[in-house]
Amino acid sequence: MWDRKVQRIMEELLSTEREYVNALGYIREHYFPELERSDVPQDLRGQRGSIFGNLEKLHDFHRHYFLNELESCVNEPFRIGRCFLRHRENFALYALYSKNKPHSYTCQSSYNNTTLSPLLSYQQKQLKLGDRMDLWSYLLKPVQRISKYSLLLQDMVRECDPGQMREIAELKAALEVIHFQLRHGNNLEQGPVLCGIMCITGRASRSAAKVSWFKEQLFFLLFLWTGLPLSRGVLVWAKAEGDCRGPWRICITPWRPGGG
C-alpha cells in the first residue's frame, strides 16, 4: 500500500487533470461558437486561433492521450514521470500557447470599447451560463496547469525512497521538460520585462473579490516569467497611482537573499 501522502498527490493530479480537460472542453463548447455569430466584426471572423491559440490541440492531447495515461498509473504513482517523458514533444504546445497570449489579449482589447466587442458577447455568454469565471480566467487555465505539474512532480520526488533511483531520475527529467517549456514559452512570448521587473498596467477595481483573483493570477504569471516553481521565495510589490478609479501598476520581481 502506498504512503498516504503519495496517494493524496496522485488523487490531486488525477482530479485536477479531469477538471482541466473539462474546462478546456467547456471553452470549446460555449465560447468558440461566439466568433461565428453574424454580428462579429468582419476582421475578427476566422480569428479563432488568434484569440484562443492552440487550445483545441491542448484539449485533444489531454483528453485523448495524457489523461488516460495518468489514470493508468493510479496503482504505480511513481511511474508518472514516464508519462511526461513519453509526451515531451506534446508539451511544446504550451510554449506555443504562451507565444500567442499577447496577440490574444491585443485581439480582444482592440474591440473592448465597441458595441461589436467579442468581449461583450463573451460577458453576455458568461451571464447566460451563470458562470462566476470569465473567459480570461479560462484562458489562463493552461498556464496554471503546467505550473501545477511542476509542483506535483516535485512533491512526488520528495516522496521517493533513496533506492528508487530510476523513478527519481524519470521524475526529475519530467520536471525539466516542464520547466523548459515554461522558459521557452516566456522567451517566445517576449513579455514586458525590463531591468528584471515585470509591470502590468490596468484599471483599479472596487471589488475585493476581483483584486484577490487578480493577485492569484499574478503568481502564475510570475511563474511563467521566471520558469521557477511557485514558492514563498518571491516578492510581490503593488502600488496604486491616483485614486481607486485611476490607473494602477503592479510590479513583480524575484526575491533574492539579501535583496530589498
Protein backbone atom coordinates (compact mmCIF):
# COMPACT_ATOMS: atom_id res chain seq x y z
CA MET A 1 0.00 0.00 0.00
CA TRP A 2 1.35 3.38 -0.94
CA ASP A 3 2.06 6.06 1.62
CA ARG A 4 -0.93 8.30 2.27
CA LYS A 5 1.00 11.34 1.02
CA VAL A 6 1.69 9.61 -2.29
CA GLN A 7 -1.98 8.72 -2.61
CA ARG A 8 -3.00 12.33 -1.99
CA ILE A 9 -0.57 13.59 -4.63
CA MET A 10 -1.89 11.07 -7.15
CA GLU A 11 -5.50 11.85 -6.33
CA GLU A 12 -4.86 15.56 -6.75
CA LEU A 13 -3.06 15.01 -10.04
CA LEU A 14 -5.92 12.94 -11.46
CA SER A 15 -8.79 15.05 -10.13
CA THR A 16 -7.26 18.32 -11.34
CA GLU A 17 -6.40 16.73 -14.70
CA ARG A 18 -10.05 15.76 -15.20
CA GLU A 19 -11.16 19.25 -14.19
CA TYR A 20 -8.66 20.75 -16.63
CA VAL A 21 -9.87 18.61 -19.52
CA ASN A 22 -13.45 19.55 -18.71
CA ALA A 23 -12.56 23.25 -18.55
CA LEU A 24 -10.90 23.19 -21.99
CA GLY A 25 -13.90 21.35 -23.39
CA TYR A 26 -16.17 23.94 -21.80
CA ILE A 27 -14.35 26.73 -23.65
CA ARG A 28 -14.67 24.91 -26.97
CA GLU A 29 -18.33 24.18 -26.45
CA HIS A 30 -19.52 27.55 -25.19
CA TYR A 31 -17.03 30.21 -26.33
CA PHE A 32 -15.68 29.05 -29.67
CA PRO A 33 -19.10 29.45 -31.35
CA GLU A 34 -19.29 33.11 -30.29
CA LEU A 35 -16.85 34.04 -33.06
CA GLU A 36 -19.22 32.54 -35.60
CA ARG A 37 -22.03 34.95 -34.74
CA SER A 38 -23.28 37.18 -37.54
CA ASP A 39 -22.57 40.36 -35.55
CA VAL A 40 -18.86 39.65 -35.05
CA PRO A 41 -16.66 42.33 -36.72
CA GLN A 42 -15.51 41.30 -40.19
CA ASP A 43 -11.81 41.42 -39.35
CA LEU A 44 -12.33 39.10 -36.38
CA ARG A 45 -14.00 36.39 -38.39
CA GLY A 46 -11.76 33.39 -38.82
CA GLN A 47 -9.57 34.64 -35.97
CA ARG A 48 -10.34 31.85 -33.53
CA GLY A 49 -6.69 30.87 -33.44
CA SER A 50 -5.68 34.45 -32.68
CA ILE A 51 -7.87 34.60 -29.57
CA PHE A 52 -7.73 31.00 -28.35
CA GLY A 53 -4.32 29.97 -29.66
CA ASN A 54 -3.81 26.23 -29.88
CA LEU A 55 -6.23 25.49 -27.05
CA GLU A 56 -8.07 23.00 -29.25
CA LYS A 57 -4.89 20.94 -29.72
CA LEU A 58 -4.16 21.09 -26.00
CA HIS A 59 -7.63 19.79 -25.27
CA ASP A 60 -7.30 16.93 -27.76
CA PHE A 61 -3.92 15.92 -26.35
CA HIS A 62 -5.07 15.81 -22.75
CA ARG A 63 -8.49 14.32 -23.45
CA HIS A 64 -7.39 11.55 -25.82
CA TYR A 65 -3.94 10.69 -24.52
CA PHE A 66 -2.48 12.23 -21.39
CA LEU A 67 -5.41 11.80 -19.01
CA ASN A 68 -5.70 8.13 -19.91
CA GLU A 69 -2.00 7.55 -19.31
CA LEU A 70 -2.08 9.26 -15.93
CA GLU A 71 -5.08 7.16 -14.93
CA SER A 72 -3.15 4.02 -15.86
CA CYS A 73 -0.58 4.97 -13.20
CA VAL A 74 -3.08 5.00 -10.33
CA ASN A 75 -1.57 1.84 -8.86
CA GLU A 76 2.00 2.81 -9.79
CA PRO A 77 2.17 6.52 -8.94
CA PHE A 78 5.93 6.83 -9.24
CA ARG A 79 5.62 5.89 -12.90
CA ILE A 80 4.01 9.24 -13.83
CA GLY A 81 7.39 10.65 -14.84
CA ARG A 82 7.39 8.30 -17.81
CA CYS A 83 4.06 9.72 -18.99
CA PHE A 84 5.55 13.20 -19.22
CA LEU A 85 8.69 11.93 -20.94
CA ARG A 86 6.72 9.88 -23.45
CA HIS A 87 4.84 13.03 -24.49
CA ARG A 88 7.62 15.59 -24.15
CA GLU A 89 7.01 16.79 -27.72
CA ASN A 90 3.33 17.42 -27.00
CA PHE A 91 4.22 19.69 -24.10
CA ALA A 92 5.74 22.05 -26.66
CA LEU A 93 2.10 23.06 -27.23
CA TYR A 94 2.32 25.06 -24.01
CA ALA A 95 5.18 27.24 -25.23
CA LEU A 96 3.19 27.96 -28.40
CA TYR A 97 0.13 28.80 -26.31
CA SER A 98 2.20 31.28 -24.30
CA LYS A 99 3.58 32.78 -27.50
CA ASN A 100 0.05 33.59 -28.65
CA LYS A 101 -1.14 35.13 -25.37
CA PRO A 102 -0.06 38.74 -26.10
CA HIS A 103 -1.68 38.53 -29.54
CA SER A 104 -4.83 37.10 -27.99
CA TYR A 105 -5.01 39.94 -25.50
CA THR A 106 -4.43 42.56 -28.20
CA CYS A 107 -7.04 41.00 -30.45
CA GLN A 108 -9.63 41.08 -27.67
CA SER A 109 -8.81 44.51 -26.28
CA SER A 110 -8.90 46.08 -29.75
CA TYR A 111 -12.68 45.88 -29.57
CA ASN A 112 -13.08 46.30 -25.85
CA ASN A 113 -14.87 49.62 -26.15
CA THR A 114 -17.06 48.94 -29.15
CA THR A 115 -20.63 47.75 -29.38
CA LEU A 116 -19.43 44.88 -31.55
CA SER A 117 -16.93 43.73 -28.96
CA PRO A 118 -16.42 39.97 -28.80
CA LEU A 119 -15.69 40.54 -25.12
CA LEU A 120 -19.19 41.93 -24.70
CA SER A 121 -20.51 38.80 -26.35
CA TYR A 122 -18.41 36.66 -24.03
CA GLN A 123 -19.62 38.58 -20.99
CA GLN A 124 -23.20 38.05 -22.07
CA LYS A 125 -22.45 34.38 -22.60
CA GLN A 126 -20.97 34.17 -19.11
CA LEU A 127 -24.13 35.67 -17.62
CA LYS A 128 -26.31 33.33 -19.63
CA LEU A 129 -24.32 30.35 -18.37
CA GLY A 130 -24.44 31.63 -14.81
CA ASP A 131 -20.69 31.17 -14.59
CA ARG A 132 -18.62 33.03 -12.00
CA MET A 133 -15.49 32.72 -14.15
CA ASP A 134 -15.00 34.90 -17.19
CA LEU A 135 -13.27 33.96 -20.43
CA TRP A 136 -9.93 35.46 -19.38
CA SER A 137 -9.92 33.18 -16.32
CA TYR A 138 -10.50 30.17 -18.53
CA LEU A 139 -7.75 31.20 -20.94
CA LEU A 140 -5.31 31.18 -18.02
CA LYS A 141 -6.04 27.50 -17.38
CA PRO A 142 -3.14 26.16 -19.50
CA VAL A 143 -0.68 28.49 -17.74
CA GLN A 144 -1.99 27.38 -14.37
CA ARG A 145 -1.96 23.73 -15.35
CA ILE A 146 1.65 23.49 -16.43
CA SER A 147 2.77 25.23 -13.25
CA LYS A 148 0.69 22.75 -11.26
CA TYR A 149 2.52 19.88 -12.92
CA SER A 150 5.78 21.28 -11.62
CA LEU A 151 4.50 21.40 -8.05
CA LEU A 152 3.05 17.89 -8.13
CA LEU A 153 6.15 16.38 -9.71
CA GLN A 154 8.32 17.99 -7.05
CA ASP A 155 6.03 16.61 -4.36
CA MET A 156 6.35 13.13 -5.85
CA VAL A 157 10.14 13.35 -5.99
CA ARG A 158 10.22 14.18 -2.28
CA GLU A 159 8.21 11.03 -1.51
CA CYS A 160 10.55 8.69 -3.36
CA ASP A 161 12.78 6.39 -1.37
CA PRO A 162 16.52 6.85 -1.98
CA GLY A 163 16.64 3.44 -3.59
CA GLN A 164 14.12 4.37 -6.29
CA MET A 165 16.84 5.74 -8.49
CA ARG A 166 15.06 5.09 -11.79
CA GLU A 167 11.82 6.70 -10.66
CA ILE A 168 13.66 9.72 -9.24
CA ALA A 169 15.58 10.17 -12.49
CA GLU A 170 12.36 9.97 -14.53
CA LEU A 171 10.51 12.42 -12.30
CA LYS A 172 13.40 14.91 -12.41
CA ALA A 173 13.64 14.56 -16.17
CA ALA A 174 9.88 15.21 -16.39
CA LEU A 175 10.37 18.33 -14.27
CA GLU A 176 12.99 19.56 -16.69
CA VAL A 177 10.56 19.02 -19.58
CA ILE A 178 8.00 21.21 -17.83
CA HIS A 179 10.48 23.90 -16.80
CA PHE A 180 11.99 24.03 -20.28
CA GLN A 181 8.58 24.68 -21.82
CA LEU A 182 7.90 27.40 -19.24
CA ARG A 183 11.19 29.13 -20.05
CA HIS A 184 10.75 28.62 -23.77
CA GLY A 185 7.19 29.92 -23.62
CA ASN A 186 8.36 33.04 -21.86
CA ASN A 187 11.07 33.62 -24.47
CA LEU A 188 8.54 33.24 -27.28
CA GLU A 189 6.05 35.47 -25.54
CA GLN A 190 8.66 38.20 -25.02
CA GLY A 191 6.56 39.85 -22.35
CA PRO A 192 7.06 43.37 -20.96
CA VAL A 193 10.12 42.61 -18.85
CA LEU A 194 12.54 45.49 -18.28
CA CYS A 195 15.51 45.62 -15.90
CA GLY A 196 14.33 42.49 -14.08
CA ILE A 197 10.88 43.87 -13.29
CA MET A 198 7.62 42.96 -14.95
CA CYS A 199 4.93 45.62 -14.94
CA ILE A 200 1.25 45.08 -15.58
CA THR A 201 -0.97 48.09 -16.00
CA GLY A 202 -4.71 48.46 -15.94
CA ARG A 203 -7.62 49.98 -14.05
CA ALA A 204 -8.26 49.51 -10.36
CA SER A 205 -11.31 47.60 -9.22
CA ARG A 206 -13.51 48.37 -6.25
CA SER A 207 -14.29 44.65 -5.91
CA ALA A 208 -12.21 42.87 -3.27
CA ALA A 209 -13.02 39.56 -4.94
CA LYS A 210 -11.61 40.75 -8.26
CA VAL A 211 -8.47 42.08 -6.57
CA SER A 212 -7.96 38.74 -4.81
CA TRP A 213 -8.47 36.84 -8.07
CA PHE A 214 -6.02 39.09 -9.90
CA LYS A 215 -3.36 38.66 -7.22
CA GLU A 216 -3.70 34.91 -7.59
CA GLN A 217 -3.17 35.12 -11.34
CA LEU A 218 -0.06 37.24 -10.83
CA PHE A 219 1.65 34.35 -9.13
CA PHE A 220 1.04 32.19 -12.18
CA LEU A 221 2.34 34.94 -14.46
CA LEU A 222 5.42 35.25 -12.25
CA PHE A 223 5.98 31.52 -12.54
CA LEU A 224 5.69 31.74 -16.31
CA TRP A 225 8.11 34.66 -16.39
CA THR A 226 10.82 33.14 -14.20
CA GLY A 227 10.32 29.47 -15.03
CA LEU A 228 10.69 28.78 -11.31
CA PRO A 229 8.19 26.81 -9.21
CA LEU A 230 5.78 28.80 -7.08
CA SER A 231 7.10 29.24 -3.57
CA ARG A 232 7.41 31.76 -0.79
CA GLY A 233 10.62 32.98 -2.37
CA VAL A 234 9.04 35.80 -4.31
CA LEU A 235 8.32 39.39 -3.52
CA VAL A 236 5.16 40.96 -4.91
CA TRP A 237 5.03 44.74 -4.84
CA ALA A 238 1.95 46.73 -5.73
CA LYS A 239 1.49 50.48 -5.97
CA ALA A 240 -1.68 52.36 -6.74
CA GLU A 241 -1.35 55.54 -8.74
CA GLY A 242 -4.12 58.03 -8.20
CA ASP A 243 -7.41 57.22 -6.52
CA CYS A 244 -9.28 53.91 -6.68
CA ARG A 245 -10.79 54.86 -10.04
CA GLY A 246 -7.48 55.74 -11.63
CA PRO A 247 -4.85 53.59 -13.34
CA TRP A 248 -2.71 51.21 -11.32
CA ARG A 249 0.52 49.35 -11.85
CA ILE A 250 1.74 46.14 -10.30
CA CYS A 251 5.39 45.19 -10.46
CA ILE A 252 6.71 41.77 -9.53
CA THR A 253 10.34 40.83 -9.15
CA PRO A 254 12.09 37.65 -7.99
CA TRP A 255 13.13 37.70 -4.36
CA ARG A 256 16.81 37.16 -3.67
CA PRO A 257 18.50 36.62 -0.27
CA GLY A 258 19.73 39.94 1.00
CA GLY A 259 17.62 41.81 -1.53
CA GLY A 260 15.46 44.79 -0.67
